[in-house]
Protein backbone atom coordinates (compact mmCIF):
# COMPACT_ATOMS: atom_id res chain seq x y z
CA MET A 1 28.32 32.06 86.16
CA ALA A 2 30.84 29.03 87.15
CA LEU A 3 27.90 27.46 89.12
CA ASP A 4 25.76 28.38 85.93
CA VAL A 5 27.89 26.61 83.79
CA LYS A 6 28.02 23.30 86.10
CA GLN A 7 24.05 23.32 86.08
CA ILE A 8 23.73 23.49 82.40
CA GLY A 9 26.79 20.72 82.10
CA GLU A 10 24.24 18.69 84.39
CA ARG A 11 21.35 19.15 82.27
CA VAL A 12 23.41 18.46 79.04
CA ALA A 13 24.30 14.88 80.58
CA ALA A 14 20.87 14.22 81.19
CA GLU A 15 19.43 14.98 77.92
CA SER A 16 22.48 13.15 75.89
CA GLY A 17 20.76 9.91 76.29
CA ILE A 18 18.13 10.84 73.58
CA LEU A 19 20.65 11.87 70.95
CA ASN A 20 22.96 8.88 71.83
CA GLU A 21 19.79 6.51 71.63
CA ILE A 22 18.95 8.08 68.13
CA ARG A 23 22.37 7.33 66.95
CA HIS A 24 22.54 3.80 68.05
CA GLN A 25 19.21 2.87 66.23
CA ILE A 26 20.86 4.73 62.86
CA SER A 27 23.78 2.81 63.21
CA ARG A 28 21.74 -0.72 63.18
CA VAL A 29 21.32 0.03 59.32
CA ILE A 30 23.89 2.82 58.61
CA VAL A 31 27.51 1.67 58.62
CA GLY A 32 30.25 4.56 58.84
CA GLN A 33 28.66 8.18 58.05
CA GLU A 34 29.70 8.89 61.58
CA HIS A 35 30.39 12.57 60.26
CA LEU A 36 26.92 12.64 58.10
CA VAL A 37 25.13 11.46 60.87
CA ASP A 38 26.34 13.90 63.60
CA ARG A 39 25.77 16.85 61.22
CA LEU A 40 22.21 15.68 60.69
CA LEU A 41 21.62 15.77 64.60
CA LEU A 42 23.18 19.17 65.14
CA ALA A 43 21.14 20.48 62.14
CA LEU A 44 18.37 19.07 64.31
CA ILE A 45 19.37 20.66 67.55
CA CYS A 46 19.74 23.98 65.60
CA ASN A 47 16.72 24.15 63.97
CA GLN A 48 18.38 24.64 60.32
CA HIS A 49 18.68 22.74 57.00
CA VAL A 50 21.27 20.31 55.29
CA LEU A 51 22.72 20.13 51.78
CA ILE A 52 24.63 16.49 51.39
CA GLU A 53 26.49 16.23 48.11
CA GLY A 54 28.14 12.79 47.25
CA VAL A 55 28.39 10.35 43.97
CA PRO A 56 25.09 7.96 44.03
CA GLY A 57 25.14 4.80 46.02
CA LEU A 58 26.58 6.74 49.05
CA ALA A 59 23.57 6.05 51.35
CA LYS A 60 22.59 9.78 51.93
CA THR A 61 19.17 8.93 50.92
CA LEU A 62 18.98 5.99 53.47
CA THR A 63 20.80 7.89 56.55
CA VAL A 64 18.08 10.58 55.87
CA THR A 65 14.85 8.04 55.80
CA THR A 66 16.55 6.04 59.01
CA LEU A 67 16.77 9.39 60.64
CA ALA A 68 13.40 9.84 59.86
CA ARG A 69 12.16 6.57 61.32
CA THR A 70 13.89 7.14 64.76
CA LEU A 71 11.65 10.08 65.53
CA HIS A 72 8.43 10.15 65.96
CA ALA A 73 7.74 13.05 63.37
CA SER A 74 5.78 13.23 59.85
CA PHE A 75 8.25 12.44 57.07
CA THR A 76 7.94 13.35 53.13
CA ARG A 77 10.42 12.56 50.17
CA ILE A 78 10.24 14.35 47.38
CA GLN A 79 11.92 13.41 44.31
CA PHE A 80 13.27 16.37 41.88
CA THR A 81 13.29 15.76 38.73
CA PRO A 82 13.59 18.58 35.65
CA ASP A 83 9.96 18.41 34.66
CA MET A 84 9.10 19.68 38.33
CA LEU A 85 6.53 22.61 38.98
CA PRO A 86 6.67 24.76 41.97
CA ALA A 87 3.07 23.30 43.03
CA ASP A 88 4.43 19.60 43.33
CA ILE A 89 6.40 20.89 46.30
CA THR A 90 3.97 23.76 47.94
CA GLY A 91 0.81 22.49 46.43
CA THR A 92 -2.07 24.01 44.22
CA ARG A 93 -5.70 25.32 43.90
CA ILE A 94 -8.20 22.98 42.58
CA TYR A 95 -11.52 24.07 41.48
CA LYS A 96 -14.24 22.30 42.79
CA HIS A 97 -16.96 22.48 40.63
CA LEU A 98 -19.68 21.07 42.83
CA LYS A 99 -18.91 24.03 45.31
CA ASP A 100 -18.02 26.25 42.43
CA GLU A 101 -14.76 27.27 44.16
CA PHE A 102 -11.39 26.80 44.41
CA MET A 103 -9.66 24.75 47.20
CA ILE A 104 -5.94 24.46 47.96
CA GLU A 105 -3.99 20.94 48.02
CA TRP A 106 -1.30 21.61 50.04
CA GLY A 107 1.63 19.82 48.81
CA PRO A 108 4.53 17.24 50.68
CA ILE A 109 6.79 20.40 52.08
CA PHE A 110 4.72 20.08 55.12
CA ALA A 111 6.06 17.81 57.17
CA ASN A 112 8.51 17.64 60.18
CA ILE A 113 11.63 16.37 58.01
CA VAL A 114 11.66 16.97 54.28
CA LEU A 115 13.88 14.96 52.03
CA ALA A 116 14.68 16.72 49.13
CA ASP A 117 16.49 14.35 47.05
CA GLU A 118 18.81 15.06 44.23
CA ILE A 119 17.75 18.75 44.70
CA ASN A 120 19.65 19.45 41.99
CA ARG A 121 18.34 18.01 39.01
CA ALA A 122 15.11 20.75 39.03
CA PRO A 123 15.71 24.06 37.63
CA ALA A 124 15.91 27.25 39.44
CA LYS A 125 11.98 27.77 39.18
CA VAL A 126 11.43 25.21 41.48
CA GLN A 127 13.92 25.78 43.85
CA SER A 128 12.69 28.88 44.50
CA ALA A 129 9.61 27.07 45.72
CA LEU A 130 11.87 26.58 49.17
CA LEU A 131 13.01 29.48 49.25
CA GLU A 132 9.86 30.84 51.70
CA SER A 133 9.16 27.46 53.52
CA MET A 134 12.87 27.05 54.44
CA GLN A 135 13.38 30.64 55.68
CA GLU A 136 10.08 32.04 57.36
CA ARG A 137 8.72 28.44 57.86
CA GLN A 138 5.64 29.19 56.35
CA VAL A 139 4.02 29.10 52.23
CA SER A 140 2.12 31.46 50.72
CA LEU A 141 -0.32 30.26 48.40
CA GLY A 142 -3.86 31.40 46.83
CA GLY A 143 -4.09 34.43 48.97
CA GLN A 144 -3.42 32.18 52.43
CA VAL A 145 -0.18 31.64 54.17
CA ARG A 146 0.30 28.36 56.24
CA HIS A 147 2.78 28.02 58.67
CA LEU A 148 4.78 24.87 58.78
CA ASP A 149 5.00 22.39 61.72
CA ASP A 150 7.71 22.58 64.52
CA PRO A 151 10.40 20.84 64.01
CA PHE A 152 11.04 21.52 60.25
CA LEU A 153 14.19 20.32 58.70
CA VAL A 154 14.81 20.24 55.45
CA ILE A 155 17.46 17.79 54.17
CA ALA A 156 18.37 18.06 50.83
CA THR A 157 20.48 15.72 48.70
CA GLN A 158 22.45 16.54 45.15
CA ASN A 159 25.01 14.86 43.25
CA PRO A 160 28.39 16.40 42.33
CA VAL A 161 27.56 19.30 39.45
CA GLU A 162 29.57 17.79 37.14
CA GLN A 163 27.49 14.92 36.76
CA GLU A 164 25.15 15.15 33.43
CA GLY A 165 21.66 16.34 34.02
CA THR A 166 22.29 18.71 37.38
CA TYR A 167 21.95 22.07 37.65
CA PRO A 168 23.65 24.68 40.08
CA LEU A 169 21.70 25.78 43.05
CA PRO A 170 20.69 29.40 43.53
CA GLU A 171 23.13 31.17 45.86
CA ALA A 172 20.36 32.78 47.80
CA GLN A 173 18.97 29.16 48.27
CA VAL A 174 21.99 27.49 48.44
CA ASP A 175 22.76 30.11 51.92
CA ARG A 176 19.69 28.83 53.75
CA PHE A 177 21.72 25.56 54.27
CA MET A 178 23.59 25.78 57.82
CA PHE A 179 26.06 22.82 56.79
CA LYS A 180 26.82 21.55 53.14
CA VAL A 181 28.21 17.76 54.20
CA LYS A 182 30.34 15.98 51.40
CA VAL A 183 30.01 12.31 52.08
CA ASP A 184 32.87 10.18 50.38
CA TYR A 185 33.42 6.43 49.92
CA LEU A 186 33.58 4.24 52.71
CA SER A 187 36.66 2.61 54.13
CA LYS A 188 37.38 -1.14 53.03
CA GLU A 189 36.51 -2.36 56.62
CA HIS A 190 33.16 -0.45 56.59
CA GLU A 191 32.13 -1.62 53.13
CA LEU A 192 32.89 -5.15 54.00
CA GLU A 193 30.37 -4.69 57.03
CA VAL A 194 27.88 -3.36 54.61
CA LEU A 195 28.08 -6.22 52.76
CA HIS A 196 27.80 -8.70 55.38
CA ARG A 197 24.86 -6.78 56.31
CA MET A 198 23.00 -5.85 53.02
CA ALA A 199 24.29 -8.09 50.28
CA THR A 200 20.54 -9.88 50.66
CA THR A 201 17.05 -9.86 49.23
CA GLU A 202 15.56 -8.26 52.32
CA PRO A 203 18.19 -6.80 54.26
CA ASP A 204 17.23 -5.57 58.23
CA MET A 205 16.25 -2.23 57.92
CA ALA A 206 14.39 -2.01 61.59
CA VAL A 207 14.79 0.80 63.62
CA ASP A 208 12.86 2.05 66.66
CA ALA A 209 11.21 5.53 66.99
CA VAL A 210 12.69 6.84 70.25
CA ALA A 211 12.46 10.52 69.79
CA LYS A 212 9.14 12.64 69.84
CA PRO A 213 8.73 16.20 68.35
CA GLU A 214 9.04 17.63 71.76
CA ASP A 215 12.13 16.30 73.06
CA ILE A 216 13.82 17.94 70.04
CA LEU A 217 12.39 20.85 71.35
CA ARG A 218 13.60 20.74 74.85
CA VAL A 219 17.13 19.81 73.69
CA ARG A 220 17.18 22.70 71.22
CA ARG A 221 16.31 25.25 74.25
CA LEU A 222 18.87 23.76 76.63
CA ALA A 223 21.52 24.19 73.24
CA ASP A 224 20.61 27.72 73.70
CA GLU A 225 21.70 27.84 77.13
CA ILE A 226 24.81 26.39 76.25
CA PHE A 227 27.72 29.04 77.85
CA MET A 228 29.86 30.74 75.33
CA ASP A 229 32.28 33.38 76.25
CA GLU A 230 32.77 36.62 74.74
CA LYS A 231 36.25 35.96 72.99
CA ILE A 232 34.61 32.74 71.62
CA GLY A 233 32.38 35.01 69.79
CA GLU A 234 35.05 37.43 68.80
CA TYR A 235 36.79 34.47 67.06
CA ILE A 236 33.51 33.71 65.05
CA VAL A 237 33.57 36.95 63.75
CA ASP A 238 37.13 37.41 63.10
CA LEU A 239 36.69 33.67 61.00
CA VAL A 240 33.76 35.34 59.12
CA ASN A 241 35.77 38.62 58.73
CA ALA A 242 38.29 36.71 57.27
CA THR A 243 36.72 35.18 54.48
CA ARG A 244 35.75 38.74 53.33
CA ASN A 245 38.84 40.77 54.23
CA PRO A 246 41.69 38.06 54.45
CA ALA A 247 44.27 40.97 54.21
CA ASP A 248 43.30 41.89 57.66
CA TYR A 249 44.54 38.85 58.94
CA ASP A 250 47.59 37.91 57.23
CA LEU A 251 46.02 36.31 54.27
CA ALA A 252 46.87 38.83 51.26
CA GLU A 253 47.39 35.64 49.59
CA LEU A 254 43.83 34.74 49.42
CA THR A 255 42.54 38.30 48.52
CA ASP A 256 42.38 37.12 44.80
CA LEU A 257 41.23 33.89 45.25
CA ILE A 258 37.59 34.60 46.96
CA ARG A 259 34.76 36.22 44.81
CA TYR A 260 32.81 36.04 47.94
CA GLY A 261 33.01 35.66 51.51
CA ALA A 262 30.73 34.32 53.92
CA SER A 263 27.57 35.79 54.82
CA PRO A 264 26.16 36.89 58.41
CA ARG A 265 24.13 33.75 58.22
CA ALA A 266 27.81 32.15 58.85
CA THR A 267 28.22 34.16 61.76
CA LEU A 268 25.07 32.52 63.58
CA PHE A 269 25.35 29.35 62.12
CA LEU A 270 29.16 29.07 63.65
CA ALA A 271 27.40 30.40 67.16
CA MET A 272 24.45 27.91 66.92
CA GLY A 273 26.59 24.84 65.63
CA ALA A 274 29.16 25.30 68.25
CA ARG A 275 26.78 25.48 70.86
CA GLY A 276 25.15 22.28 69.33
CA GLN A 277 28.50 20.66 69.50
CA ALA A 278 29.14 21.09 72.88
CA LEU A 279 26.09 19.81 73.71
CA MET A 280 26.48 16.73 71.56
CA SER A 281 29.96 16.25 73.54
CA GLY A 282 28.54 16.47 76.68
CA ARG A 283 29.57 20.02 77.81
CA GLY A 284 27.80 22.97 79.11
CA TYR A 285 30.43 25.27 77.40
CA VAL A 286 31.71 26.23 74.02
CA THR A 287 35.20 25.64 72.99
CA PRO A 288 37.50 27.00 70.07
CA GLN A 289 37.45 23.25 69.06
CA ASP A 290 33.68 23.48 68.71
CA VAL A 291 33.62 26.18 66.67
CA LYS A 292 36.43 24.95 64.64
CA SER A 293 34.86 21.55 63.98
CA VAL A 294 31.85 22.91 62.12
CA ALA A 295 33.38 25.61 60.16
CA MET A 296 33.97 23.89 57.13
CA ASP A 297 30.75 22.53 56.78
CA VAL A 298 29.27 26.09 57.60
CA PHE A 299 31.65 27.85 55.03
CA ARG A 300 32.01 25.26 52.46
CA HIS A 301 29.22 26.54 50.13
CA ARG A 302 29.82 30.27 51.33
CA VAL A 303 33.26 30.97 50.54
CA VAL A 304 32.88 31.14 46.38
CA PRO A 305 36.51 31.10 44.81
CA THR A 306 37.19 33.39 41.66
CA TYR A 307 38.22 32.44 38.20
CA GLU A 308 41.42 32.78 39.34
CA ALA A 309 41.58 30.24 42.12
CA GLU A 310 39.76 27.84 40.12
CA ALA A 311 42.38 28.05 37.21
CA GLU A 312 45.15 27.37 40.03
CA GLU A 313 42.73 24.63 41.30
CA LYS A 314 42.17 26.15 44.62
CA THR A 315 39.00 24.67 46.34
CA SER A 316 36.68 26.71 48.72
CA GLU A 317 37.76 23.78 51.24
CA GLU A 318 41.47 24.96 50.75
CA ILE A 319 40.47 28.44 51.22
CA VAL A 320 39.02 27.86 54.51
CA GLN A 321 41.42 25.80 56.03
CA THR A 322 43.86 28.16 55.35
CA ILE A 323 41.97 30.59 57.33
CA LEU A 324 41.18 28.02 59.99
CA ASP A 325 45.23 27.57 60.37
CA THR A 326 46.23 31.32 60.19
CA VAL A 327 43.00 33.30 62.40
CA ASP A 328 44.51 33.64 65.75
CA VAL A 329 42.26 30.85 68.31
CA PRO A 330 41.41 32.44 71.82
C-alpha cells in the first residue's frame, strides 16, 4: 500500500502542472479570491456544481467566465430573471409548418460549463428545470432524452437572500451543489491592485486556453485513486452524523439549534472533496485537514438552523465550526 501511495503521489506531481497553469491564467485577470478559484477547480475535479454567494461587484461572474476561457470547452451564461420560463434553460418544441412536425430547439444548458448568473432572481418553477440536468446530467423534453456533455459543471451565483427581488432556492436544488462559497470584499492591498489593473476603459482580460476536456477527465480519474484511510472515512461519517445527532458527540447544546442536518450527499462530497484537496496539495493520500478544509463549504447550505438559532443569531457557519472543533480527529 505504501508503494501504491508513493506511485500515486508521483502521478499527482506530474499532473499538478495543468492545475497550476489554470490558476496562473486566472490570476492574470482575477485579483485575490484564491479560495473561490480553488473551490471552482476542486468542483471541476470532482465533477460537481458550485453555488457562489456575495453582494454585486465582487467579480463572481468574471471569475467564472475567466475559468471557462482557460479551458477548451463550451460555455454558456444564463441570466436569471423573474420572467424566465423553464424552456429558456432546457429548450422547447417548435412547430415547423413546412415539415408539419414539431422539432426540439435545445436550450443553453447544453454546454460544458454553465454559468447560472443571479440564480435566485428566478422563481422556483424555473429552478426546477435544473434539477434533472444537475443530478442525472440529462434533459427530458418532448419524449426525448438527451445526455449532457462531459465535463458538465453548473456554477451559479446568487445575491444574499436579504436583497430585494430574490427568491430562496428549493432545498432539493441547493443540496445538489457540492459547495456553497461565500465571497467577501477584497483586502485593501488587493483592491488597490484591482484599481491599477481595471480602472481603464479597456482592461486587459486576455487569458490562454491551457486545458482540454480530456485533461480534466484524466485528473478526475487520478483523484478517485487518492488513498483514503478507513479512519478518515469514519471521521467523515462522524462529522455528518454530528449535524444530525449532536448529542451523541457531546454537542447537546446544538440539538435545539439544528432543524435539518446534512444529507447523505454531504458524506459523498466530503470524501470526494478531501481527495481532490489532497491532489491539489500535491499528495497521494488524504489527511484530516483535507476533510476540514472543505467541510465548511460542503456543510454551509446543508445544516439548516432552527428558528431558535436564528433568534439567538446563530448562523449555520457557527454551528458547523463548533462541530469541526469538537468531533475527535483521527
